[in-house]
């Protein structure tokens, strides 16, 4: 026996003891439950590794030497296409047919807008606009020739650019400019520089530290801090204090059992933990 019975134990050791006991009880309960299930299977006529009947879509299959061969379709042709699914070729053909049934619009340059009776479907007519020197676009829609897009620009409210000005008049006055310029003349207030130390400070109306006064002992004691040294007595069972030399010696003499000692003790009582 390598461990010392007089050594103090730790909560982790007690936890390990409780967990080992709990695992033992749980394993025992699991085995008892499994034993009951086996008894129930045997009492109802069950046999291990024996299949009585297997059915596929309600039809019983032949069982030979504990094996059943179930045929599974491996090709689409083995199935009935009751939903009339189409193949890739059929889908591609249907798409091409739909595209062919639609008209393909194209552009044609003409000298004037055609009459509706002469205009063709799916043709975009380009008519030169003599004012803008760009093409307007016309097309036949619901039996009429309509203007789809033009290059006409309404310049009714257009303002000519004046030399020395931007996109608007100069409404910014000279007095306003002078007022804005005066805002840049800020000067930080001058204060007397101070060396490092502990000070009481005064803050003026602008939020700056305007004056400082060195802190004295009366300022500190005025906060409730004692002016003399604080002494402490040794602790007793009824009063807090400092630890005595005797108590410190007693505390140092206590030895905590190591994890190896705890493990050895538990193994001696319960046996090694299964891997």
Protein backbone atom coordinates (compact mmCIF):
# COMPACT_ATOMS: atom_id res chain seq x y z
CA UNK A 1 0.00 0.00 0.00
CA UNK A 2 1.84 3.14 -1.28
CA UNK A 3 -0.69 5.76 -0.15
CA UNK A 4 -0.94 7.35 3.31
CA UNK A 5 -4.35 7.13 5.00
CA UNK A 6 -3.69 10.29 7.07
CA UNK A 7 -3.37 12.52 3.98
CA UNK A 8 -6.21 14.94 3.26
CA UNK A 9 -8.39 14.12 0.26
CA UNK A 10 -9.83 16.50 -2.35
CA UNK A 11 -13.33 17.07 -3.68
CA UNK A 12 -12.16 15.69 -7.03
CA UNK A 13 -11.40 12.36 -5.30
CA UNK A 14 -14.86 12.23 -3.75
CA UNK A 15 -16.32 13.07 -7.16
CA UNK A 16 -14.39 10.21 -8.76
CA UNK A 17 -15.67 7.85 -6.05
CA UNK A 18 -19.26 8.91 -6.66
CA UNK A 19 -18.89 8.62 -10.45
CA UNK A 20 -17.40 5.14 -10.19
CA UNK A 21 -20.24 3.99 -7.92
CA UNK A 22 -22.82 5.55 -10.24
CA UNK A 23 -21.25 3.83 -13.29
CA UNK A 24 -21.32 0.48 -11.47
CA UNK A 25 -25.02 0.83 -10.61
CA UNK A 26 -25.86 2.01 -14.15
CA UNK A 27 -24.02 -0.95 -15.73
CA UNK A 28 -25.82 -3.36 -13.45
CA UNK A 29 -29.22 -1.85 -14.31
CA UNK A 30 -28.36 -1.99 -18.05
CA UNK A 31 -27.44 -5.67 -17.83
CA UNK A 32 -30.63 -6.46 -15.90
CA UNK A 33 -32.73 -4.66 -18.53
CA UNK A 34 -30.95 -6.45 -21.38
CA UNK A 35 -31.44 -9.80 -19.64
CA UNK A 36 -35.17 -9.07 -19.35
CA UNK A 37 -35.43 -8.23 -23.06
CA UNK A 38 -33.70 -11.45 -24.04
CA UNK A 39 -36.06 -13.43 -21.79
CA UNK A 40 -39.06 -11.72 -23.42
CA UNK A 41 -37.80 -12.56 -26.94
CA UNK A 42 -37.21 -16.20 -26.06
CA UNK A 43 -40.58 -16.54 -24.29
CA UNK A 44 -42.43 -15.32 -27.41
CA UNK A 45 -40.68 -17.81 -29.69
CA UNK A 46 -38.02 -15.52 -31.12
CA UNK A 47 -34.84 -16.95 -32.62
CA UNK A 48 -31.57 -15.18 -33.40
CA UNK A 49 -30.63 -14.51 -37.07
CA UNK A 50 -33.85 -16.00 -38.48
CA UNK A 51 -36.16 -14.12 -40.92
CA UNK A 52 -39.68 -15.51 -41.19
CA UNK A 53 -41.24 -13.34 -43.93
CA UNK A 54 -40.23 -10.39 -46.15
CA UNK A 55 -42.75 -8.66 -48.44
CA UNK A 56 -42.24 -6.19 -51.28
CA UNK A 57 -45.34 -4.12 -52.09
CA UNK A 58 -47.41 -6.75 -50.26
CA UNK A 59 -45.95 -9.71 -52.14
CA UNK A 60 -44.08 -12.27 -50.03
CA UNK A 61 -40.50 -12.98 -51.11
CA UNK A 62 -38.74 -16.31 -50.97
CA UNK A 63 -36.28 -16.66 -48.07
CA UNK A 64 -33.39 -19.07 -48.72
CA UNK A 65 -30.57 -19.62 -46.22
CA UNK A 66 -31.49 -16.44 -44.33
CA UNK A 67 -31.16 -14.40 -47.55
CA UNK A 68 -33.69 -12.59 -49.76
CA UNK A 69 -32.95 -11.43 -53.33
CA UNK A 70 -35.02 -8.31 -54.08
CA UNK A 71 -34.94 -7.05 -57.68
CA UNK A 72 -34.36 -3.27 -57.88
CA UNK A 73 -34.84 -1.39 -61.21
CA UNK A 74 -31.53 -0.06 -62.57
CA UNK A 75 -32.77 1.61 -65.79
CA UNK A 76 -35.53 4.10 -66.56
CA UNK A 77 -36.86 1.65 -69.11
CA UNK A 78 -37.58 -0.77 -66.25
CA UNK A 79 -40.15 1.69 -64.85
CA UNK A 80 -43.57 2.80 -66.09
CA UNK A 81 -43.58 6.45 -67.21
CA UNK A 82 -47.09 7.06 -65.87
CA UNK A 83 -46.33 10.79 -65.27
CA UNK A 84 -45.12 11.20 -68.88
CA UNK A 85 -41.72 12.65 -67.98
CA UNK A 86 -39.78 13.91 -71.02
CA UNK A 87 -36.23 13.05 -72.02
CA UNK A 88 -33.50 15.65 -72.60
CA UNK A 89 -33.99 15.35 -76.35
CA UNK A 90 -37.76 15.90 -76.02
CA UNK A 91 -37.27 18.97 -73.83
CA UNK A 92 -34.70 20.47 -76.22
CA UNK A 93 -37.04 19.86 -79.15
CA UNK A 94 -39.94 21.60 -77.35
CA UNK A 95 -37.78 24.61 -76.54
CA UNK A 96 -36.64 24.95 -80.14
CA UNK A 97 -40.23 24.73 -81.35
CA UNK A 98 -41.32 27.48 -78.95
CA UNK A 99 -38.47 29.74 -80.05
CA UNK A 100 -39.31 29.17 -83.71
CA UNK A 101 -42.94 30.18 -83.07
CA UNK A 102 -41.89 33.61 -81.78
CA UNK A 103 -40.91 36.54 -83.98
CA UNK A 104 -37.38 37.97 -84.01
CA UNK A 105 -37.40 41.77 -84.09
CA UNK A 106 -34.81 43.56 -86.24
CA UNK A 107 -33.99 47.15 -87.18
CA UNK A 108 -34.68 48.79 -90.54
CA UNK A 109 -33.73 52.34 -91.60
CA UNK A 110 -36.55 54.20 -93.40
CA UNK A 111 -36.94 57.77 -94.68
CA UNK A 112 -40.33 58.33 -92.99
CA UNK A 113 -42.66 56.68 -90.49
CA UNK A 114 -44.52 53.91 -92.39
CA UNK A 115 -48.30 53.66 -92.50
CA UNK A 116 -49.87 50.99 -90.29
CA UNK A 117 -51.05 49.06 -93.33
CA UNK A 118 -47.54 48.90 -94.75
CA UNK A 119 -45.68 48.35 -91.46
CA UNK A 120 -44.56 44.82 -90.57
CA UNK A 121 -44.64 43.04 -87.19
CA UNK A 122 -41.36 42.56 -85.30
CA UNK A 123 -39.62 45.37 -87.18
CA UNK A 124 -38.10 48.38 -85.40
CA UNK A 125 -38.10 51.33 -87.83
CA UNK A 126 -35.27 53.86 -87.48
CA UNK A 127 -36.33 57.34 -88.68
CA UNK A 128 -33.78 60.16 -88.74
CA UNK A 129 -34.79 63.13 -86.55
CA UNK A 130 -33.91 66.28 -88.50
CA UNK A 131 -33.63 68.39 -85.34
CA UNK A 132 -31.44 66.14 -83.19
CA UNK A 133 -29.71 64.34 -86.05
CA UNK A 134 -30.34 61.03 -84.26
CA UNK A 135 -32.72 58.16 -85.02
CA UNK A 136 -36.19 57.84 -83.49
CA UNK A 137 -37.55 54.28 -83.09
CA UNK A 138 -41.05 53.22 -84.28
CA UNK A 139 -42.81 49.83 -84.29
CA UNK A 140 -46.20 48.34 -85.13
CA UNK A 141 -48.10 47.54 -81.90
CA UNK A 142 -51.71 46.31 -81.87
CA UNK A 143 -52.22 47.41 -85.47
CA UNK A 144 -50.80 50.93 -85.00
CA UNK A 145 -47.34 52.43 -85.56
CA UNK A 146 -46.16 53.99 -82.31
CA UNK A 147 -43.04 55.86 -81.20
CA UNK A 148 -40.99 53.67 -78.85
CA UNK A 149 -38.09 56.03 -78.21
CA UNK A 150 -36.84 59.37 -79.46
CA UNK A 151 -33.83 61.63 -79.09
CA UNK A 152 -35.76 64.81 -78.39
CA UNK A 153 -34.56 66.72 -75.32
CA UNK A 154 -36.70 69.39 -73.64
CA UNK A 155 -34.40 72.37 -73.03
CA UNK A 156 -37.16 74.77 -71.97
CA UNK A 157 -35.65 75.44 -68.51
CA UNK A 158 -32.05 75.18 -69.65
CA UNK A 159 -29.79 77.98 -68.34
CA UNK A 160 -26.77 79.00 -70.35
CA UNK A 161 -23.43 78.72 -68.56
CA UNK A 162 -21.92 82.08 -67.61
CA UNK A 163 -18.20 82.65 -67.51
CA UNK A 164 -16.81 82.47 -63.97
CA UNK A 165 -19.91 80.80 -62.48
CA UNK A 166 -20.97 77.23 -61.81
CA UNK A 167 -24.40 75.71 -62.20
CA UNK A 168 -26.10 78.43 -60.10
CA UNK A 169 -25.70 82.12 -59.31
CA UNK A 170 -23.25 83.31 -56.64
CA UNK A 171 -25.69 83.85 -53.76
CA UNK A 172 -22.93 83.64 -51.10
CA UNK A 173 -22.44 87.22 -49.84
CA UNK A 174 -19.22 88.88 -48.72
CA UNK A 175 -20.46 89.55 -45.12
CA UNK A 176 -21.31 85.86 -44.71
CA UNK A 177 -17.83 84.91 -45.90
CA UNK A 178 -16.22 87.34 -43.43
CA UNK A 179 -18.34 85.94 -40.57
CA UNK A 180 -17.26 82.38 -41.40
CA UNK A 181 -13.60 83.42 -41.63
CA UNK A 182 -13.76 84.92 -38.12
CA UNK A 183 -14.67 81.53 -36.66
CA UNK A 184 -11.16 80.26 -37.34
CA UNK A 185 -9.52 82.79 -34.95
CA UNK A 186 -9.93 80.67 -31.79
CA UNK A 187 -7.13 81.03 -29.21
CA UNK A 188 -6.79 78.51 -26.39
CA UNK A 189 -6.71 80.21 -22.93
CA UNK A 190 -3.27 80.43 -21.32
CA UNK A 191 -2.76 78.82 -17.87
CA UNK A 192 0.18 78.46 -15.52
CA UNK A 193 2.00 75.14 -16.11
CA UNK A 194 2.26 72.73 -13.17
CA UNK A 195 4.70 69.91 -12.37
CA UNK A 196 3.66 66.33 -11.62
CA UNK A 197 1.89 65.79 -8.29
CA UNK A 198 -1.45 65.29 -6.56
CA UNK A 199 -3.69 68.35 -6.97
CA UNK A 200 -7.21 69.66 -6.40
CA UNK A 201 -8.38 71.23 -9.66
CA UNK A 202 -10.73 74.04 -10.65
CA UNK A 203 -12.62 73.94 -13.98
CA UNK A 204 -13.80 77.19 -15.61
CA UNK A 205 -16.97 77.81 -17.63
CA UNK A 206 -15.28 76.69 -20.88
CA UNK A 207 -14.49 73.27 -19.40
CA UNK A 208 -10.75 73.89 -19.01
CA UNK A 209 -8.65 73.30 -15.89
CA UNK A 210 -8.00 76.89 -14.81
CA UNK A 211 -6.36 76.42 -11.40
CA UNK A 212 -4.74 73.71 -9.26
CA UNK A 213 -3.94 73.41 -5.54
CA UNK A 214 -1.61 70.81 -4.02
CA UNK A 215 -3.35 68.18 -1.88
CA UNK A 216 -2.42 68.20 1.84
CA UNK A 217 -2.94 65.66 4.64
CA UNK A 218 -6.13 67.37 5.86
CA UNK A 219 -7.66 66.86 2.42
CA UNK A 220 -7.03 63.10 2.71
CA UNK A 221 -8.26 62.69 6.30
CA UNK A 222 -11.30 64.73 5.34
CA UNK A 223 -12.31 61.85 3.08
CA UNK A 224 -12.43 59.49 6.10
CA UNK A 225 -8.98 57.94 5.57
CA UNK A 226 -7.18 57.40 8.95
CA UNK A 227 -4.25 59.73 9.66
CA UNK A 228 -2.19 57.10 11.54
CA UNK A 229 -1.01 53.51 10.87
CA UNK A 230 -3.58 50.71 11.15
CA UNK A 231 -2.77 47.70 13.38
CA UNK A 232 -4.33 44.26 13.30
CA UNK A 233 -4.59 41.57 15.98
CA UNK A 234 -4.29 37.84 15.49
CA UNK A 235 -7.43 36.05 14.29
CA UNK A 236 -9.52 34.04 16.78
CA UNK A 237 -12.47 31.72 16.32
CA UNK A 238 -14.79 34.68 16.95
CA UNK A 239 -12.86 37.61 15.46
CA UNK A 240 -11.13 38.23 12.11
CA UNK A 241 -7.47 39.19 12.10
CA UNK A 242 -4.01 38.09 11.04
CA UNK A 243 -2.86 34.44 11.02
CA UNK A 244 -0.55 33.50 13.91
CA UNK A 245 2.77 31.69 13.42
CA UNK A 246 1.36 28.60 15.15
CA UNK A 247 -1.63 28.49 12.80
CA UNK A 248 0.68 28.96 9.80
CA UNK A 249 2.87 26.05 11.01
CA UNK A 250 -0.21 23.84 11.44
CA UNK A 251 -1.47 24.76 7.96
CA UNK A 252 1.91 24.02 6.38
CA UNK A 253 1.90 20.59 8.07
CA UNK A 254 -1.24 19.50 6.23
CA UNK A 255 -0.56 17.27 3.20
CA UNK A 256 -3.05 16.87 0.33
CA UNK A 257 -3.24 13.40 -1.16
CA UNK A 258 -1.97 13.26 -4.76
CA UNK A 259 -4.09 12.06 -7.66
CA UNK A 260 -1.92 8.94 -7.88
CA UNK A 261 -2.60 8.12 -4.20
CA UNK A 262 -6.34 8.61 -4.65
CA UNK A 263 -6.36 6.43 -7.79
CA UNK A 264 -4.43 3.67 -6.03
CA UNK A 265 -6.85 3.74 -3.09
CA UNK A 266 -9.91 3.56 -5.37
CA UNK A 267 -8.37 0.72 -7.40
CA UNK A 268 -7.66 -1.19 -4.19
CA UNK A 269 -11.35 -0.98 -3.21
CA UNK A 270 -13.18 -1.11 -6.58
CA UNK A 271 -10.55 -2.56 -8.89
CA UNK A 272 -8.98 -0.79 -11.93
CA UNK A 273 -11.28 1.10 -14.30
CA UNK A 274 -11.91 -0.84 -17.51
CA UNK A 275 -10.29 0.74 -20.57
